[in-house]
Amino acid sequence: ACDFDHSKWKTAPAPFGQDEAGIGRKPNTRWNSSDIWLRSSFDMPAE
């Protein structure tokens, strides 16, 4: 939801995941659990 309080979540750069040199994957943030939840915001122009 838009108004959900994520102030206790961590902040880190994408991509999230694990290194896989064979297909060129090199994440900025390591993720090795079964699930991840992400949130962000962005601005839309008026057009």
All heavy atoms as atom14 arrays in JSON, in Angstrom:
{
  "sequence": "ACDFDHSKWKTAPAPFGQDEAGIGRKPNTRWNSSDIWLRSSFDMPAE",
  "atom14_mask": [
    [1, 1, 1, 1, 1, 0, 0, 0, 0, 0, 0, 0, 0, 0],
    [1, 1, 1, 1, 1, 1, 0, 0, 0, 0, 0, 0, 0, 0],
    [1, 1, 1, 1, 1, 1, 1, 1, 0, 0, 0, 0, 0, 0],
    [1, 1, 1, 1, 1, 1, 1, 1, 1, 1, 1, 0, 0, 0],
    [1, 1, 1, 1, 1, 1, 1, 1, 0, 0, 0, 0, 0, 0],
    [1, 1, 1, 1, 1, 1, 1, 1, 1, 1, 0, 0, 0, 0],
    [1, 1, 1, 1, 1, 1, 0, 0, 0, 0, 0, 0, 0, 0],
    [1, 1, 1, 1, 1, 1, 1, 1, 1, 0, 0, 0, 0, 0],
    [1, 1, 1, 1, 1, 1, 1, 1, 1, 1, 1, 1, 1, 1],
    [1, 1, 1, 1, 1, 1, 1, 1, 1, 0, 0, 0, 0, 0],
    [1, 1, 1, 1, 1, 1, 1, 0, 0, 0, 0, 0, 0, 0],
    [1, 1, 1, 1, 1, 0, 0, 0, 0, 0, 0, 0, 0, 0],
    [1, 1, 1, 1, 1, 1, 1, 0, 0, 0, 0, 0, 0, 0],
    [1, 1, 1, 1, 1, 0, 0, 0, 0, 0, 0, 0, 0, 0],
    [1, 1, 1, 1, 1, 1, 1, 0, 0, 0, 0, 0, 0, 0],
    [1, 1, 1, 1, 1, 1, 1, 1, 1, 1, 1, 0, 0, 0],
    [1, 1, 1, 1, 0, 0, 0, 0, 0, 0, 0, 0, 0, 0],
    [1, 1, 1, 1, 1, 1, 1, 1, 1, 0, 0, 0, 0, 0],
    [1, 1, 1, 1, 1, 1, 1, 1, 0, 0, 0, 0, 0, 0],
    [1, 1, 1, 1, 1, 1, 1, 1, 1, 0, 0, 0, 0, 0],
    [1, 1, 1, 1, 1, 0, 0, 0, 0, 0, 0, 0, 0, 0],
    [1, 1, 1, 1, 0, 0, 0, 0, 0, 0, 0, 0, 0, 0],
    [1, 1, 1, 1, 1, 1, 1, 1, 0, 0, 0, 0, 0, 0],
    [1, 1, 1, 1, 0, 0, 0, 0, 0, 0, 0, 0, 0, 0],
    [1, 1, 1, 1, 1, 1, 1, 1, 1, 1, 1, 0, 0, 0],
    [1, 1, 1, 1, 1, 1, 1, 1, 1, 0, 0, 0, 0, 0],
    [1, 1, 1, 1, 1, 1, 1, 0, 0, 0, 0, 0, 0, 0],
    [1, 1, 1, 1, 1, 1, 1, 1, 0, 0, 0, 0, 0, 0],
    [1, 1, 1, 1, 1, 1, 1, 0, 0, 0, 0, 0, 0, 0],
    [1, 1, 1, 1, 1, 1, 1, 1, 1, 1, 1, 0, 0, 0],
    [1, 1, 1, 1, 1, 1, 1, 1, 1, 1, 1, 1, 1, 1],
    [1, 1, 1, 1, 1, 1, 1, 1, 0, 0, 0, 0, 0, 0],
    [1, 1, 1, 1, 1, 1, 0, 0, 0, 0, 0, 0, 0, 0],
    [1, 1, 1, 1, 1, 1, 0, 0, 0, 0, 0, 0, 0, 0],
    [1, 1, 1, 1, 1, 1, 1, 1, 0, 0, 0, 0, 0, 0],
    [1, 1, 1, 1, 1, 1, 1, 1, 0, 0, 0, 0, 0, 0],
    [1, 1, 1, 1, 1, 1, 1, 1, 1, 1, 1, 1, 1, 1],
    [1, 1, 1, 1, 1, 1, 1, 1, 0, 0, 0, 0, 0, 0],
    [1, 1, 1, 1, 1, 1, 1, 1, 1, 1, 1, 0, 0, 0],
    [1, 1, 1, 1, 1, 1, 0, 0, 0, 0, 0, 0, 0, 0],
    [1, 1, 1, 1, 1, 1, 0, 0, 0, 0, 0, 0, 0, 0],
    [1, 1, 1, 1, 1, 1, 1, 1, 1, 1, 1, 0, 0, 0],
    [1, 1, 1, 1, 1, 1, 1, 1, 0, 0, 0, 0, 0, 0],
    [1, 1, 1, 1, 1, 1, 1, 1, 0, 0, 0, 0, 0, 0],
    [1, 1, 1, 1, 1, 1, 1, 0, 0, 0, 0, 0, 0, 0],
    [1, 1, 1, 1, 1, 0, 0, 0, 0, 0, 0, 0, 0, 0],
    [1, 1, 1, 1, 1, 1, 1, 1, 1, 0, 0, 0, 0, 0]
  ],
  "atom14_positions": [
    [[0.83, -1.21, 0.0], [0.0, 0.0, 0.0], [0.86, 1.26, 0.0], [1.98, 1.27, 0.52], [-0.92, 0.0, 1.22], [0.0, 0.0, 0.0], [0.0, 0.0, 0.0], [0.0, 0.0, 0.0], [0.0, 0.0, 0.0], [0.0, 0.0, 0.0], [0.0, 0.0, 0.0], [0.0, 0.0, 0.0], [0.0, 0.0, 0.0], [0.0, 0.0, 0.0]],
    [[0.32, 2.33, -0.56], [1.07, 3.59, -0.66], [1.47, 4.12, 0.71], [2.55, 4.67, 0.88], [0.25, 4.63, -1.39], [-0.06, 4.26, -3.12], [0.0, 0.0, 0.0], [0.0, 0.0, 0.0], [0.0, 0.0, 0.0], [0.0, 0.0, 0.0], [0.0, 0.0, 0.0], [0.0, 0.0, 0.0], [0.0, 0.0, 0.0], [0.0, 0.0, 0.0]],
    [[0.57, 3.98, 1.69], [0.82, 4.58, 3.01], [1.45, 3.61, 3.99], [1.52, 3.87, 5.19], [-0.48, 5.14, 3.59], [-1.57, 4.07, 3.72], [-1.34, 2.91, 3.28], [-2.66, 4.39, 4.25], [0.0, 0.0, 0.0], [0.0, 0.0, 0.0], [0.0, 0.0, 0.0], [0.0, 0.0, 0.0], [0.0, 0.0, 0.0], [0.0, 0.0, 0.0]],
    [[1.94, 2.47, 3.52], [2.58, 1.51, 4.42], [3.87, 2.1, 5.0], [4.65, 2.75, 4.28], [2.89, 0.21, 3.66], [3.56, -0.83, 4.5], [2.82, -1.64, 5.35], [4.93, -1.02, 4.45], [3.43, -2.61, 6.13], [5.56, -1.99, 5.22], [4.8, -2.78, 6.06], [0.0, 0.0, 0.0], [0.0, 0.0, 0.0], [0.0, 0.0, 0.0]],
    [[4.1, 1.88, 6.28], [5.28, 2.41, 6.96], [6.45, 1.42, 6.8], [6.47, 0.38, 7.44], [4.97, 2.64, 8.44], [6.17, 3.21, 9.2], [7.16, 3.6, 8.56], [6.09, 3.25, 10.45], [0.0, 0.0, 0.0], [0.0, 0.0, 0.0], [0.0, 0.0, 0.0], [0.0, 0.0, 0.0], [0.0, 0.0, 0.0], [0.0, 0.0, 0.0]],
    [[7.4, 1.78, 5.94], [8.57, 0.91, 5.75], [9.82, 1.53, 6.37], [10.93, 1.23, 5.98], [8.8, 0.66, 4.25], [9.01, 1.9, 3.44], [8.06, 2.39, 2.57], [10.06, 2.76, 3.36], [8.52, 3.49, 2.0], [9.74, 3.74, 2.47], [0.0, 0.0, 0.0], [0.0, 0.0, 0.0], [0.0, 0.0, 0.0], [0.0, 0.0, 0.0]],
    [[9.64, 2.39, 7.36], [10.77, 3.1, 7.96], [11.77, 2.17, 8.63], [12.94, 2.54, 8.8], [10.26, 4.13, 8.96], [9.5, 3.52, 10.0], [0.0, 0.0, 0.0], [0.0, 0.0, 0.0], [0.0, 0.0, 0.0], [0.0, 0.0, 0.0], [0.0, 0.0, 0.0], [0.0, 0.0, 0.0], [0.0, 0.0, 0.0], [0.0, 0.0, 0.0]],
    [[11.33, 0.96, 9.01], [12.24, 0.01, 9.66], [12.91, -0.93, 8.65], [13.72, -1.77, 9.04], [11.49, -0.79, 10.71], [11.0, 0.07, 11.88], [10.33, -0.78, 12.95], [9.86, 0.09, 14.12], [9.19, -0.71, 15.18], [0.0, 0.0, 0.0], [0.0, 0.0, 0.0], [0.0, 0.0, 0.0], [0.0, 0.0, 0.0], [0.0, 0.0, 0.0]],
    [[12.55, -0.8, 7.37], [13.2, -1.61, 6.35], [14.6, -1.07, 6.09], [14.9, 0.1, 6.35], [12.4, -1.58, 5.06], [11.08, -2.31, 5.11], [10.37, -2.65, 6.22], [10.32, -2.75, 3.99], [9.21, -3.29, 5.87], [9.15, -3.37, 4.51], [10.49, -2.69, 2.62], [8.18, -3.92, 3.68], [9.53, -3.23, 1.79], [8.38, -3.85, 2.31]],
    [[15.45, -1.91, 5.55], [16.8, -1.49, 5.17], [16.77, -0.77, 3.83], [15.82, -0.91, 3.05], [17.73, -2.7, 5.09], [17.9, -3.43, 6.42], [18.8, -4.65, 6.23], [18.97, -5.41, 7.55], [19.81, -6.62, 7.37], [0.0, 0.0, 0.0], [0.0, 0.0, 0.0], [0.0, 0.0, 0.0], [0.0, 0.0, 0.0], [0.0, 0.0, 0.0]],
    [[17.8, -0.01, 3.53], [17.95, 0.67, 2.25], [19.26, 0.22, 1.61], [20.31, 0.23, 2.27], [17.98, 2.19, 2.42], [16.76, 2.62, 3.02], [18.14, 2.88, 1.07], [0.0, 0.0, 0.0], [0.0, 0.0, 0.0], [0.0, 0.0, 0.0], [0.0, 0.0, 0.0], [0.0, 0.0, 0.0], [0.0, 0.0, 0.0], [0.0, 0.0, 0.0]],
    [[19.19, -0.2, 0.34], [20.39, -0.69, -0.34], [20.16, -0.62, -1.85], [19.01, -0.57, -2.32], [20.72, -2.11, 0.08], [0.0, 0.0, 0.0], [0.0, 0.0, 0.0], [0.0, 0.0, 0.0], [0.0, 0.0, 0.0], [0.0, 0.0, 0.0], [0.0, 0.0, 0.0], [0.0, 0.0, 0.0], [0.0, 0.0, 0.0], [0.0, 0.0, 0.0]],
    [[21.24, -0.62, -2.64], [21.11, -0.51, -4.09], [20.78, -1.84, -4.77], [21.26, -2.9, -4.36], [22.49, -0.01, -4.53], [23.43, -0.54, -3.5], [22.66, -0.53, -2.21], [0.0, 0.0, 0.0], [0.0, 0.0, 0.0], [0.0, 0.0, 0.0], [0.0, 0.0, 0.0], [0.0, 0.0, 0.0], [0.0, 0.0, 0.0], [0.0, 0.0, 0.0]],
    [[19.95, -1.78, -5.78], [19.69, -2.92, -6.66], [20.88, -3.05, -7.63], [21.67, -2.12, -7.77], [18.39, -2.7, -7.41], [0.0, 0.0, 0.0], [0.0, 0.0, 0.0], [0.0, 0.0, 0.0], [0.0, 0.0, 0.0], [0.0, 0.0, 0.0], [0.0, 0.0, 0.0], [0.0, 0.0, 0.0], [0.0, 0.0, 0.0], [0.0, 0.0, 0.0]],
    [[20.97, -4.2, -8.31], [20.16, -5.4, -8.18], [20.41, -6.14, -6.87], [21.47, -6.02, -6.27], [20.61, -6.25, -9.37], [21.32, -5.31, -10.3], [21.93, -4.27, -9.41], [0.0, 0.0, 0.0], [0.0, 0.0, 0.0], [0.0, 0.0, 0.0], [0.0, 0.0, 0.0], [0.0, 0.0, 0.0], [0.0, 0.0, 0.0], [0.0, 0.0, 0.0]],
    [[19.41, -6.96, -6.48], [19.52, -7.82, -5.32], [19.64, -9.26, -5.81], [18.96, -9.67, -6.75], [18.27, -7.7, -4.45], [18.05, -6.31, -3.89], [17.44, -5.33, -4.66], [18.47, -6.0, -2.61], [17.24, -4.05, -4.15], [18.27, -4.72, -2.09], [17.66, -3.75, -2.86], [0.0, 0.0, 0.0], [0.0, 0.0, 0.0], [0.0, 0.0, 0.0]],
    [[20.5, -10.05, -5.2], [20.61, -11.44, -5.61], [21.95, -12.04, -5.26], [22.6, -11.66, -4.3], [0.0, 0.0, 0.0], [0.0, 0.0, 0.0], [0.0, 0.0, 0.0], [0.0, 0.0, 0.0], [0.0, 0.0, 0.0], [0.0, 0.0, 0.0], [0.0, 0.0, 0.0], [0.0, 0.0, 0.0], [0.0, 0.0, 0.0], [0.0, 0.0, 0.0]],
    [[22.36, -13.03, -6.08], [23.62, -13.73, -5.9], [24.44, -13.65, -7.18], [23.88, -13.59, -8.28], [23.37, -15.2, -5.54], [22.62, -15.4, -4.24], [22.62, -16.85, -3.82], [23.66, -17.5, -3.72], [21.43, -17.38, -3.57], [0.0, 0.0, 0.0], [0.0, 0.0, 0.0], [0.0, 0.0, 0.0], [0.0, 0.0, 0.0], [0.0, 0.0, 0.0]],
    [[25.76, -13.68, -7.04], [26.66, -13.66, -8.2], [26.44, -14.9, -9.05], [26.37, -16.02, -8.53], [28.12, -13.63, -7.75], [28.51, -12.29, -7.16], [27.82, -11.3, -7.43], [29.51, -12.25, -6.42], [0.0, 0.0, 0.0], [0.0, 0.0, 0.0], [0.0, 0.0, 0.0], [0.0, 0.0, 0.0], [0.0, 0.0, 0.0], [0.0, 0.0, 0.0]],
    [[26.33, -14.69, -10.38], [26.28, -15.79, -11.34], [27.08, -15.34, -12.56], [26.54, -14.75, -13.49], [24.84, -16.12, -11.71], [24.03, -16.71, -10.57], [22.59, -16.99, -10.97], [22.37, -18.02, -11.64], [21.72, -16.16, -10.64], [0.0, 0.0, 0.0], [0.0, 0.0, 0.0], [0.0, 0.0, 0.0], [0.0, 0.0, 0.0], [0.0, 0.0, 0.0]],
    [[28.37, -15.61, -12.53], [29.26, -15.12, -13.57], [28.88, -15.64, -14.95], [29.07, -14.97, -15.96], [30.7, -15.52, -13.23], [0.0, 0.0, 0.0], [0.0, 0.0, 0.0], [0.0, 0.0, 0.0], [0.0, 0.0, 0.0], [0.0, 0.0, 0.0], [0.0, 0.0, 0.0], [0.0, 0.0, 0.0], [0.0, 0.0, 0.0], [0.0, 0.0, 0.0]],
    [[28.32, -16.84, -15.01], [28.0, -17.44, -16.3], [27.0, -16.66, -17.12], [27.02, -16.71, -18.35], [0.0, 0.0, 0.0], [0.0, 0.0, 0.0], [0.0, 0.0, 0.0], [0.0, 0.0, 0.0], [0.0, 0.0, 0.0], [0.0, 0.0, 0.0], [0.0, 0.0, 0.0], [0.0, 0.0, 0.0], [0.0, 0.0, 0.0], [0.0, 0.0, 0.0]],
    [[26.12, -15.91, -16.44], [25.14, -15.1, -17.17], [25.3, -13.62, -16.82], [24.39, -12.82, -17.05], [23.69, -15.57, -16.91], [23.39, -15.61, -15.4], [23.45, -16.94, -17.53], [21.94, -15.95, -15.1], [0.0, 0.0, 0.0], [0.0, 0.0, 0.0], [0.0, 0.0, 0.0], [0.0, 0.0, 0.0], [0.0, 0.0, 0.0], [0.0, 0.0, 0.0]],
    [[26.45, -13.28, -16.26], [26.77, -11.87, -16.03], [26.04, -11.21, -14.88], [25.93, -9.98, -14.84], [0.0, 0.0, 0.0], [0.0, 0.0, 0.0], [0.0, 0.0, 0.0], [0.0, 0.0, 0.0], [0.0, 0.0, 0.0], [0.0, 0.0, 0.0], [0.0, 0.0, 0.0], [0.0, 0.0, 0.0], [0.0, 0.0, 0.0], [0.0, 0.0, 0.0]],
    [[25.54, -11.99, -13.95], [24.85, -11.4, -12.82], [25.84, -11.03, -11.71], [26.57, -11.88, -11.21], [23.82, -12.38, -12.26], [22.55, -12.46, -13.08], [21.57, -13.42, -12.45], [20.3, -13.42, -13.14], [19.33, -14.31, -12.93], [19.51, -15.27, -12.03], [18.2, -14.24, -13.59], [0.0, 0.0, 0.0], [0.0, 0.0, 0.0], [0.0, 0.0, 0.0]],
    [[25.83, -9.76, -11.35], [26.67, -9.27, -10.27], [25.86, -8.26, -9.46], [25.89, -7.06, -9.74], [27.95, -8.63, -10.82], [28.97, -8.28, -9.72], [30.28, -7.85, -10.33], [31.27, -7.47, -9.23], [31.55, -8.62, -8.33], [0.0, 0.0, 0.0], [0.0, 0.0, 0.0], [0.0, 0.0, 0.0], [0.0, 0.0, 0.0], [0.0, 0.0, 0.0]],
    [[25.11, -8.73, -8.48], [24.23, -7.84, -7.72], [25.02, -6.86, -6.87], [26.15, -7.12, -6.48], [23.43, -8.81, -6.85], [24.31, -10.0, -6.7], [25.04, -10.12, -8.01], [0.0, 0.0, 0.0], [0.0, 0.0, 0.0], [0.0, 0.0, 0.0], [0.0, 0.0, 0.0], [0.0, 0.0, 0.0], [0.0, 0.0, 0.0], [0.0, 0.0, 0.0]],
    [[24.39, -5.73, -6.58], [24.98, -4.76, -5.66], [24.66, -5.09, -4.2], [25.39, -4.68, -3.3], [24.46, -3.36, -5.98], [25.08, -2.8, -7.24], [26.27, -2.91, -7.46], [24.24, -2.22, -8.1], [0.0, 0.0, 0.0], [0.0, 0.0, 0.0], [0.0, 0.0, 0.0], [0.0, 0.0, 0.0], [0.0, 0.0, 0.0], [0.0, 0.0, 0.0]],
    [[23.56, -5.81, -3.99], [23.16, -6.2, -2.63], [22.87, -7.69, -2.6], [22.08, -8.19, -3.4], [21.91, -5.43, -2.17], [22.18, -4.02, -2.23], [21.53, -5.8, -0.75], [0.0, 0.0, 0.0], [0.0, 0.0, 0.0], [0.0, 0.0, 0.0], [0.0, 0.0, 0.0], [0.0, 0.0, 0.0], [0.0, 0.0, 0.0], [0.0, 0.0, 0.0]],
    [[23.51, -8.39, -1.69], [23.36, -9.84, -1.62], [21.99, -10.19, -1.03], [21.59, -9.65, 0.01], [24.46, -10.45, -0.78], [24.44, -11.98, -0.75], [25.71, -12.53, -0.11], [25.69, -13.97, 0.01], [25.92, -14.81, -0.99], [26.2, -14.33, -2.19], [25.88, -16.11, -0.8], [0.0, 0.0, 0.0], [0.0, 0.0, 0.0], [0.0, 0.0, 0.0]],
    [[21.31, -11.1, -1.7], [20.03, -11.64, -1.22], [20.11, -13.15, -1.35], [20.26, -13.67, -2.45], [18.87, -11.06, -2.04], [17.6, -11.87, -1.96], [17.04, -12.39, -0.82], [16.75, -12.26, -3.03], [15.89, -13.08, -1.13], [15.69, -13.01, -2.48], [16.77, -12.04, -4.41], [14.67, -13.55, -3.26], [15.76, -12.56, -5.19], [14.71, -13.3, -4.62]],
    [[20.03, -13.86, -0.23], [20.14, -15.32, -0.28], [19.09, -16.02, 0.56], [19.25, -17.19, 0.92], [21.54, -15.78, 0.16], [21.91, -15.3, 1.55], [21.07, -14.73, 2.25], [23.14, -15.55, 1.96], [0.0, 0.0, 0.0], [0.0, 0.0, 0.0], [0.0, 0.0, 0.0], [0.0, 0.0, 0.0], [0.0, 0.0, 0.0], [0.0, 0.0, 0.0]],
    [[17.99, -15.32, 0.86], [16.88, -15.93, 1.58], [15.81, -16.36, 0.58], [15.95, -16.17, -0.63], [16.3, -14.95, 2.6], [15.78, -13.81, 1.93], [0.0, 0.0, 0.0], [0.0, 0.0, 0.0], [0.0, 0.0, 0.0], [0.0, 0.0, 0.0], [0.0, 0.0, 0.0], [0.0, 0.0, 0.0], [0.0, 0.0, 0.0], [0.0, 0.0, 0.0]],
    [[14.72, -16.93, 1.07], [13.67, -17.42, 0.18], [12.8, -16.32, -0.41], [12.21, -16.5, -1.48], [12.78, -18.43, 0.92], [12.14, -17.8, 2.02], [0.0, 0.0, 0.0], [0.0, 0.0, 0.0], [0.0, 0.0, 0.0], [0.0, 0.0, 0.0], [0.0, 0.0, 0.0], [0.0, 0.0, 0.0], [0.0, 0.0, 0.0], [0.0, 0.0, 0.0]],
    [[12.71, -15.15, 0.25], [11.83, -14.07, -0.21], [12.5, -12.73, 0.02], [13.33, -12.57, 0.92], [10.51, -14.08, 0.57], [9.69, -15.32, 0.34], [9.98, -16.34, 1.01], [8.77, -15.28, -0.48], [0.0, 0.0, 0.0], [0.0, 0.0, 0.0], [0.0, 0.0, 0.0], [0.0, 0.0, 0.0], [0.0, 0.0, 0.0], [0.0, 0.0, 0.0]],
    [[12.1, -11.77, -0.8], [12.5, -10.39, -0.59], [11.32, -9.49, -0.96], [10.57, -9.77, -1.9], [13.75, -10.02, -1.42], [14.27, -8.63, -1.03], [13.48, -10.11, -2.92], [15.64, -8.32, -1.61], [0.0, 0.0, 0.0], [0.0, 0.0, 0.0], [0.0, 0.0, 0.0], [0.0, 0.0, 0.0], [0.0, 0.0, 0.0], [0.0, 0.0, 0.0]],
    [[11.14, -8.43, -0.17], [10.11, -7.44, -0.43], [10.8, -6.1, -0.65], [11.72, -5.72, 0.11], [9.15, -7.33, 0.75], [8.26, -8.52, 0.91], [6.98, -8.67, 0.47], [8.59, -9.74, 1.6], [6.48, -9.9, 0.81], [7.44, -10.58, 1.51], [9.72, -10.21, 2.27], [7.41, -11.86, 2.07], [9.69, -11.49, 2.83], [8.55, -12.3, 2.73]],
    [[10.4, -5.38, -1.69], [11.03, -4.12, -2.08], [9.99, -3.02, -2.19], [8.85, -3.27, -2.62], [11.74, -4.27, -3.43], [12.77, -5.39, -3.59], [13.08, -5.6, -5.05], [14.04, -5.02, -2.83], [0.0, 0.0, 0.0], [0.0, 0.0, 0.0], [0.0, 0.0, 0.0], [0.0, 0.0, 0.0], [0.0, 0.0, 0.0], [0.0, 0.0, 0.0]],
    [[10.4, -1.8, -1.87], [9.55, -0.64, -2.08], [10.4, 0.53, -2.54], [11.57, 0.67, -2.17], [8.82, -0.25, -0.78], [7.68, -1.18, -0.4], [7.08, -0.77, 0.94], [6.56, 0.6, 0.91], [5.31, 0.93, 0.59], [4.45, -0.01, 0.24], [4.92, 2.19, 0.61], [0.0, 0.0, 0.0], [0.0, 0.0, 0.0], [0.0, 0.0, 0.0]],
    [[9.78, 1.38, -3.36], [10.44, 2.61, -3.8], [9.37, 3.57, -4.31], [8.18, 3.23, -4.36], [11.47, 2.32, -4.9], [12.22, 3.48, -5.2], [0.0, 0.0, 0.0], [0.0, 0.0, 0.0], [0.0, 0.0, 0.0], [0.0, 0.0, 0.0], [0.0, 0.0, 0.0], [0.0, 0.0, 0.0], [0.0, 0.0, 0.0], [0.0, 0.0, 0.0]],
    [[9.79, 4.76, -4.68], [8.88, 5.74, -5.27], [9.56, 6.41, -6.45], [10.79, 6.41, -6.55], [8.43, 6.78, -4.23], [9.56, 7.45, -3.7], [0.0, 0.0, 0.0], [0.0, 0.0, 0.0], [0.0, 0.0, 0.0], [0.0, 0.0, 0.0], [0.0, 0.0, 0.0], [0.0, 0.0, 0.0], [0.0, 0.0, 0.0], [0.0, 0.0, 0.0]],
    [[8.76, 6.95, -7.35], [9.3, 7.63, -8.52], [8.29, 8.67, -8.98], [7.1, 8.58, -8.68], [9.61, 6.64, -9.64], [8.42, 5.88, -10.16], [7.78, 6.27, -11.33], [7.94, 4.76, -9.49], [6.69, 5.58, -11.82], [6.84, 4.06, -9.97], [6.22, 4.46, -11.14], [0.0, 0.0, 0.0], [0.0, 0.0, 0.0], [0.0, 0.0, 0.0]],
    [[8.78, 9.66, -9.7], [7.94, 10.76, -10.17], [7.52, 10.54, -11.61], [8.34, 10.22, -12.47], [8.67, 12.09, -10.05], [8.88, 12.5, -8.6], [7.95, 12.28, -7.8], [9.96, 13.02, -8.27], [0.0, 0.0, 0.0], [0.0, 0.0, 0.0], [0.0, 0.0, 0.0], [0.0, 0.0, 0.0], [0.0, 0.0, 0.0], [0.0, 0.0, 0.0]],
    [[6.23, 10.74, -11.87], [5.69, 10.67, -13.22], [5.51, 12.08, -13.76], [4.97, 12.95, -13.06], [4.33, 9.97, -13.2], [4.4, 8.46, -13.13], [4.73, 7.72, -14.74], [3.25, 8.14, -15.64], [0.0, 0.0, 0.0], [0.0, 0.0, 0.0], [0.0, 0.0, 0.0], [0.0, 0.0, 0.0], [0.0, 0.0, 0.0], [0.0, 0.0, 0.0]],
    [[5.95, 12.34, -15.01], [5.68, 13.65, -15.61], [4.2, 13.81, -15.92], [3.43, 12.84, -15.9], [6.52, 13.61, -16.89], [6.72, 12.17, -17.19], [6.74, 11.46, -15.87], [0.0, 0.0, 0.0], [0.0, 0.0, 0.0], [0.0, 0.0, 0.0], [0.0, 0.0, 0.0], [0.0, 0.0, 0.0], [0.0, 0.0, 0.0], [0.0, 0.0, 0.0]],
    [[3.81, 15.02, -16.25], [2.39, 15.32, -16.45], [1.87, 14.8, -17.79], [0.67, 14.66, -17.96], [2.16, 16.83, -16.35], [0.0, 0.0, 0.0], [0.0, 0.0, 0.0], [0.0, 0.0, 0.0], [0.0, 0.0, 0.0], [0.0, 0.0, 0.0], [0.0, 0.0, 0.0], [0.0, 0.0, 0.0], [0.0, 0.0, 0.0], [0.0, 0.0, 0.0]],
    [[2.76, 14.53, -18.74], [2.29, 14.1, -20.05], [1.67, 12.71, -19.99], [1.85, 11.98, -19.01], [3.44, 14.12, -21.06], [4.6, 13.2, -20.71], [5.8, 13.49, -21.58], [5.76, 13.17, -22.78], [6.78, 14.05, -21.06], [0.0, 0.0, 0.0], [0.0, 0.0, 0.0], [0.0, 0.0, 0.0], [0.0, 0.0, 0.0], [0.0, 0.0, 0.0]]
  ]
}
